[in-house]
C-alpha atoms as a PDB file:
ATOM      1  CA  ILE A   1     -11.821  28.888  13.859  1.00  0.00           C
ATOM      2  CA  ASP A   2     -14.979  30.907  13.207  1.00  0.00           C
ATOM      3  CA  PHE A   3     -17.567  28.132  13.215  1.00  0.00           C
ATOM      4  CA  ASP A   4     -20.458  30.534  12.539  1.00  0.00           C
ATOM      5  CA  SER A   5     -18.812  31.783   9.336  1.00  0.00           C
ATOM      6  CA  ILE A   6     -18.046  28.247   8.194  1.00  0.00           C
ATOM      7  CA  LEU A   7     -21.642  27.161   8.783  1.00  0.00           C
ATOM      8  CA  GLU A   8     -22.986  30.228   6.950  1.00  0.00           C
ATOM      9  CA  SER A   9     -20.713  29.496   3.972  1.00  0.00           C
ATOM     10  CA  ILE A  10     -21.863  25.869   3.936  1.00  0.00           C
ATOM     11  CA  LYS A  11     -25.521  26.988   3.921  1.00  0.00           C
ATOM     12  CA  ASP A  12     -24.793  29.253   0.945  1.00  0.00           C
ATOM     13  CA  LEU A  13     -23.081  26.429  -0.953  1.00  0.00           C
ATOM     14  CA  ASN A  14     -25.946  24.042  -0.167  1.00  0.00           C
ATOM     15  CA  SER A  15     -28.450  26.497  -1.588  1.00  0.00           C
ATOM     16  CA  LEU A  16     -26.392  26.754  -4.797  1.00  0.00           C
ATOM     17  CA  VAL A  17     -26.799  23.041  -5.490  1.00  0.00           C
ATOM     18  CA  GLY A  18     -30.489  23.006  -4.585  1.00  0.00           C
ATOM     19  CA  GLU A  19     -30.475  21.433  -1.136  1.00  0.00           C
ATOM     20  CA  GLY A  20     -33.630  19.368  -0.681  1.00  0.00           C
ATOM     21  CA  ILE A  21     -34.522  19.485  -4.393  1.00  0.00           C
ATOM     22  CA  SER A  22     -34.852  16.217  -6.287  1.00  0.00           C
ATOM     23  CA  GLN A  23     -32.978  15.647  -9.516  1.00  0.00           C
ATOM     24  CA  ILE A  24     -33.859  13.523 -12.526  1.00  0.00           C
ATOM     25  CA  GLU A  25     -32.053  10.208 -12.650  1.00  0.00           C
ATOM     26  CA  HIS A  26     -32.258   8.328 -15.949  1.00  0.00           C
ATOM     27  CA  THR A  27     -32.942   4.609 -15.674  1.00  0.00           C
ATOM     28  CA  PRO A  28     -33.158   1.823 -18.286  1.00  0.00           C
ATOM     29  CA  ARG A  29     -36.983   2.086 -18.124  1.00  0.00           C
ATOM     30  CA  GLY A  30     -37.199   5.883 -18.163  1.00  0.00           C
ATOM     31  CA  ALA A  31     -36.412   8.251 -15.319  1.00  0.00           C
ATOM     32  CA  ARG A  32     -37.151   8.901 -11.664  1.00  0.00           C
ATOM     33  CA  LEU A  33     -36.643  11.665  -9.146  1.00  0.00           C
ATOM     34  CA  ARG A  34     -33.758  11.257  -6.742  1.00  0.00           C
ATOM     35  CA  ARG A  35     -32.445  13.414  -3.939  1.00  0.00           C
ATOM     36  CA  PRO A  36     -28.675  13.813  -3.964  1.00  0.00           C
ATOM     37  CA  GLU A  37     -26.856  12.157  -1.085  1.00  0.00           C
ATOM     38  CA  PRO A  38     -25.375  14.740   1.290  1.00  0.00           C
ATOM     39  CA  LEU A  39     -21.721  14.629   2.261  1.00  0.00           C
ATOM     40  CA  PRO A  40     -21.441  15.123   6.016  1.00  0.00           C
ATOM     41  CA  LEU A  41     -18.882  17.556   7.363  1.00  0.00           C
ATOM     42  CA  THR A  42     -18.321  17.228  11.101  1.00  0.00           C
ATOM     43  CA  LEU A  43     -16.593  20.115  12.864  1.00  0.00           C
ATOM     44  CA  TYR A  44     -14.743  19.436  16.097  1.00  0.00           C
ATOM     45  CA  GLN A  45     -12.866  21.756  18.416  1.00  0.00           C
ATOM     46  CA  ASN A  46      -9.539  20.524  17.027  1.00  0.00           C
ATOM     47  CA  GLY A  47     -10.339  19.270  13.511  1.00  0.00           C
ATOM     48  CA  ILE A  48     -12.853  17.986  10.955  1.00  0.00           C
ATOM     49  CA  VAL A  49     -14.142  14.773   9.404  1.00  0.00           C
ATOM     50  CA  VAL A  50     -15.383  14.870   5.793  1.00  0.00           C
ATOM     51  CA  GLY A  51     -17.791  12.072   4.908  1.00  0.00           C
ATOM     52  CA  ASN A  52     -16.567   8.759   6.258  1.00  0.00           C
ATOM     53  CA  GLY A  53     -12.959   9.900   6.094  1.00  0.00           C
ATOM     54  CA  ALA A  54     -10.359  10.126   8.789  1.00  0.00           C
ATOM     55  CA  PHE A  55     -10.130  12.844  11.404  1.00  0.00           C
ATOM     56  CA  ARG A  56      -8.124  15.805  10.096  1.00  0.00           C
ATOM     57  CA  PRO A  57      -6.628  18.350  12.513  1.00  0.00           C
ATOM     58  CA  TYR A  58      -6.987  22.041  11.684  1.00  0.00           C
ATOM     59  CA  GLN A  59      -3.194  22.385  11.486  1.00  0.00           C
ATOM     60  CA  HIS A  60      -2.991  20.015   8.518  1.00  0.00           C
ATOM     61  CA  PRO A  61      -2.488  21.941   5.225  1.00  0.00           C
ATOM     62  CA  ALA A  62      -5.203  19.967   3.383  1.00  0.00           C
ATOM     63  CA  THR A  63      -7.697  20.786   6.147  1.00  0.00           C
ATOM     64  CA  GLN A  64      -6.775  24.462   6.000  1.00  0.00           C
ATOM     65  CA  GLN A  65      -7.236  24.446   2.202  1.00  0.00           C
ATOM     66  CA  CYS A  66     -10.621  22.710   2.510  1.00  0.00           C
ATOM     67  CA  LEU A  67     -11.901  25.270   5.007  1.00  0.00           C
ATOM     68  CA  GLN A  68     -10.438  28.177   3.044  1.00  0.00           C
ATOM     69  CA  ASP A  69     -12.257  26.991  -0.092  1.00  0.00           C
ATOM     70  CA  ILE A  70     -15.526  26.893   1.870  1.00  0.00           C
ATOM     71  CA  MET A  71     -14.938  30.322   3.404  1.00  0.00           C
ATOM     72  CA  ASP A  72     -14.168  31.742  -0.053  1.00  0.00           C
ATOM     73  CA  GLY A  73     -17.549  30.468  -1.296  1.00  0.00           C
ATOM     74  CA  TYR A  74     -16.281  27.458  -3.241  1.00  0.00           C
ATOM     75  CA  PHE A  75     -16.775  23.750  -2.887  1.00  0.00           C
ATOM     76  CA  PRO A  76     -13.558  22.207  -1.541  1.00  0.00           C
ATOM     77  CA  SER A  77     -11.226  21.560  -4.459  1.00  0.00           C
ATOM     78  CA  GLU A  78     -10.437  18.105  -3.079  1.00  0.00           C
ATOM     79  CA  LEU A  79     -14.052  17.078  -3.783  1.00  0.00           C
ATOM     80  CA  GLN A  80     -14.217  18.220  -7.398  1.00  0.00           C
ATOM     81  CA  PRO A  81     -13.076  14.928  -8.968  1.00  0.00           C
ATOM     82  CA  HIS A  82     -15.871  13.036  -7.170  1.00  0.00           C
ATOM     83  CA  TYR A  83     -18.545  15.760  -7.196  1.00  0.00           C
ATOM     84  CA  PRO A  84     -18.026  17.987 -10.267  1.00  0.00           C
ATOM     85  CA  ASP A  85     -21.472  19.623  -9.818  1.00  0.00           C
ATOM     86  CA  GLY A  86     -21.062  20.247  -6.090  1.00  0.00           C
ATOM     87  CA  VAL A  87     -22.295  18.283  -3.120  1.00  0.00           C
END
């Protein structure tokens, strides 16, 4: 696992969605600025944890697909239903 490449790809994806930039959230009384909640990705020597999910070993096919999506410059396809604009 090339952790440096993974981290570089994650930085690129974060910049695409405007990391640290507030977004407009419409409320019943108007609107307010809100920072998007980050989704933590924890990398371990033998696997990953996405958000508050379970530990996933690198050998698991879903973990391999998640990391491959990131390395290819895409948000993990497994997150698209919950985060259609990226996270």
